[in-house]
């Protein structure tokens, strides 16, 4: 099994910092699974943070 890529590990660090969900895997596949399982929550948290900082300004849903 191959190790996670540097790009995967950097993104996992961002996800973990935002969500508090740690990564304990050791393979590229486990890294991919972690990202797939947590990316939705990560994006929701980033979006909520942006809205709280900037309000509705720049919202593309209008």
N, C-alpha and C. Protein backbone atom coordinates (compact mmCIF):
# COMPACT_ATOMS: atom_id res chain seq x y z
N UNK A 1 0.84 -1.18 0.00
CA UNK A 1 0.00 0.00 0.00
C UNK A 1 0.89 1.24 0.00
N UNK A 2 0.47 2.22 -0.77
CA UNK A 2 1.26 3.45 -0.83
C UNK A 2 0.80 4.47 0.21
N UNK A 3 1.72 5.33 0.59
CA UNK A 3 1.45 6.34 1.60
C UNK A 3 0.64 7.48 0.99
N UNK A 4 -0.10 8.23 1.83
CA UNK A 4 -0.85 9.39 1.33
C UNK A 4 0.09 10.40 0.67
N UNK A 5 -0.42 11.11 -0.31
CA UNK A 5 0.38 12.12 -0.99
C UNK A 5 0.50 13.36 -0.11
N UNK A 6 1.51 14.18 -0.36
CA UNK A 6 1.62 15.44 0.38
C UNK A 6 0.38 16.32 0.22
N UNK A 7 -0.21 16.31 -0.96
CA UNK A 7 -1.43 17.11 -1.20
C UNK A 7 -2.58 16.58 -0.34
N UNK A 8 -2.74 15.26 -0.27
CA UNK A 8 -3.78 14.68 0.58
C UNK A 8 -3.54 15.06 2.04
N UNK A 9 -2.31 14.94 2.49
CA UNK A 9 -2.01 15.23 3.89
C UNK A 9 -2.24 16.69 4.24
N UNK A 10 -1.93 17.59 3.32
CA UNK A 10 -2.17 19.01 3.56
C UNK A 10 -3.66 19.28 3.67
N UNK A 11 -4.45 18.67 2.79
CA UNK A 11 -5.90 18.87 2.83
C UNK A 11 -6.50 18.23 4.08
N UNK A 12 -5.99 17.08 4.46
CA UNK A 12 -6.43 16.41 5.68
C UNK A 12 -6.14 17.30 6.90
N UNK A 13 -5.00 17.96 6.91
CA UNK A 13 -4.68 18.89 8.01
C UNK A 13 -5.72 20.01 8.09
N UNK A 14 -6.11 20.55 6.93
CA UNK A 14 -7.13 21.61 6.91
C UNK A 14 -8.46 21.08 7.42
N UNK A 15 -8.86 19.91 6.95
CA UNK A 15 -10.13 19.33 7.37
C UNK A 15 -10.12 19.04 8.86
N UNK A 16 -9.05 18.46 9.33
CA UNK A 16 -8.94 18.12 10.75
C UNK A 16 -8.98 19.36 11.63
N UNK A 17 -8.30 20.42 11.21
CA UNK A 17 -8.29 21.66 11.99
C UNK A 17 -9.68 22.29 12.06
N UNK A 18 -10.42 22.20 10.98
CA UNK A 18 -11.75 22.80 10.93
C UNK A 18 -12.81 21.96 11.64
N UNK A 19 -12.68 20.64 11.54
CA UNK A 19 -13.73 19.76 12.05
C UNK A 19 -13.42 19.13 13.40
N UNK A 20 -12.14 19.03 13.73
CA UNK A 20 -11.75 18.33 14.94
C UNK A 20 -11.74 16.82 14.80
N UNK A 21 -11.94 16.34 13.59
CA UNK A 21 -11.94 14.91 13.32
C UNK A 21 -10.55 14.50 12.86
N UNK A 22 -9.87 13.72 13.68
CA UNK A 22 -8.51 13.32 13.37
C UNK A 22 -8.42 12.24 12.32
N UNK A 23 -7.27 12.18 11.69
CA UNK A 23 -6.98 11.16 10.69
C UNK A 23 -5.97 10.18 11.27
N UNK A 24 -6.29 8.90 11.23
CA UNK A 24 -5.40 7.89 11.78
C UNK A 24 -4.93 6.89 10.73
N UNK A 25 -5.29 7.12 9.49
CA UNK A 25 -4.92 6.19 8.43
C UNK A 25 -3.45 6.28 8.06
N UNK A 26 -3.03 5.32 7.26
CA UNK A 26 -1.62 5.26 6.83
C UNK A 26 -1.46 5.09 5.33
N UNK A 27 -2.55 4.86 4.62
CA UNK A 27 -2.45 4.61 3.19
C UNK A 27 -3.14 5.70 2.39
N UNK A 28 -2.81 5.72 1.11
CA UNK A 28 -3.43 6.67 0.19
C UNK A 28 -4.95 6.44 0.14
N UNK A 29 -5.36 5.18 0.16
CA UNK A 29 -6.80 4.88 0.12
C UNK A 29 -7.50 5.35 1.39
N UNK A 30 -6.88 5.16 2.55
CA UNK A 30 -7.48 5.63 3.80
C UNK A 30 -7.57 7.15 3.82
N UNK A 31 -6.57 7.81 3.25
CA UNK A 31 -6.62 9.27 3.15
C UNK A 31 -7.78 9.70 2.25
N UNK A 32 -7.94 9.03 1.14
CA UNK A 32 -9.03 9.33 0.21
C UNK A 32 -10.39 9.11 0.88
N UNK A 33 -10.52 8.02 1.61
CA UNK A 33 -11.77 7.72 2.32
C UNK A 33 -12.07 8.79 3.37
N UNK A 34 -11.05 9.21 4.12
CA UNK A 34 -11.23 10.26 5.14
C UNK A 34 -11.73 11.55 4.49
N UNK A 35 -11.10 11.92 3.39
CA UNK A 35 -11.50 13.15 2.69
C UNK A 35 -12.94 13.03 2.21
N UNK A 36 -13.27 11.92 1.58
CA UNK A 36 -14.64 11.72 1.09
C UNK A 36 -15.67 11.78 2.21
N UNK A 37 -15.33 11.21 3.36
CA UNK A 37 -16.27 11.16 4.48
C UNK A 37 -16.46 12.52 5.16
N UNK A 38 -15.46 13.40 5.08
CA UNK A 38 -15.49 14.63 5.87
C UNK A 38 -15.54 15.93 5.06
N UNK A 39 -15.46 15.84 3.76
CA UNK A 39 -15.40 17.05 2.95
C UNK A 39 -16.70 17.86 3.03
N UNK A 40 -17.83 17.20 3.13
CA UNK A 40 -19.10 17.91 3.23
C UNK A 40 -19.17 18.77 4.48
N UNK A 41 -18.81 18.20 5.61
CA UNK A 41 -18.80 18.93 6.86
C UNK A 41 -17.79 20.07 6.80
N UNK A 42 -16.62 19.80 6.25
CA UNK A 42 -15.58 20.83 6.12
C UNK A 42 -16.10 22.01 5.30
N UNK A 43 -16.70 21.74 4.16
CA UNK A 43 -17.23 22.82 3.32
C UNK A 43 -18.33 23.59 4.02
N UNK A 44 -19.20 22.89 4.74
CA UNK A 44 -20.27 23.56 5.49
C UNK A 44 -19.69 24.49 6.55
N UNK A 45 -18.67 24.04 7.26
CA UNK A 45 -18.05 24.87 8.29
C UNK A 45 -17.35 26.08 7.70
N UNK A 46 -16.67 25.91 6.59
CA UNK A 46 -16.00 27.03 5.93
C UNK A 46 -17.03 28.04 5.44
N UNK A 47 -18.11 27.55 4.87
CA UNK A 47 -19.18 28.44 4.39
C UNK A 47 -19.80 29.21 5.55
N UNK A 48 -20.07 28.53 6.66
CA UNK A 48 -20.66 29.20 7.82
C UNK A 48 -19.70 30.25 8.38
N UNK A 49 -18.42 29.95 8.38
CA UNK A 49 -17.42 30.90 8.86
C UNK A 49 -17.38 32.14 7.96
N UNK A 50 -17.44 31.93 6.66
CA UNK A 50 -17.44 33.06 5.73
C UNK A 50 -18.68 33.92 5.91
N UNK A 51 -19.84 33.29 6.08
CA UNK A 51 -21.08 34.04 6.28
C UNK A 51 -21.04 34.84 7.56
N UNK A 52 -20.49 34.27 8.62
CA UNK A 52 -20.43 34.99 9.89
C UNK A 52 -19.45 36.15 9.81
N UNK A 53 -18.43 36.02 8.99
CA UNK A 53 -17.45 37.09 8.84
C UNK A 53 -17.88 38.16 7.85
N UNK A 54 -18.60 37.77 6.82
CA UNK A 54 -18.91 38.69 5.73
C UNK A 54 -20.39 38.87 5.48
N UNK A 55 -21.24 38.23 6.23
CA UNK A 55 -22.68 38.34 6.01
C UNK A 55 -23.06 37.75 4.66
N UNK A 56 -24.10 38.29 4.07
CA UNK A 56 -24.58 37.79 2.79
C UNK A 56 -23.86 38.41 1.61
N UNK A 57 -22.91 39.33 1.87
CA UNK A 57 -22.21 39.98 0.80
C UNK A 57 -21.52 38.97 -0.08
N UNK A 58 -21.76 39.07 -1.36
CA UNK A 58 -21.10 38.19 -2.29
C UNK A 58 -21.76 36.83 -2.44
N UNK A 59 -22.92 36.66 -1.85
CA UNK A 59 -23.61 35.37 -1.95
C UNK A 59 -24.05 35.15 -3.40
N UNK A 60 -23.71 34.01 -3.96
CA UNK A 60 -24.06 33.73 -5.36
C UNK A 60 -25.45 33.11 -5.50
N UNK A 61 -26.13 32.91 -4.39
CA UNK A 61 -27.46 32.29 -4.47
C UNK A 61 -28.55 33.29 -4.85
N UNK A 62 -28.22 34.58 -4.81
CA UNK A 62 -29.23 35.62 -5.12
C UNK A 62 -29.54 35.67 -6.57
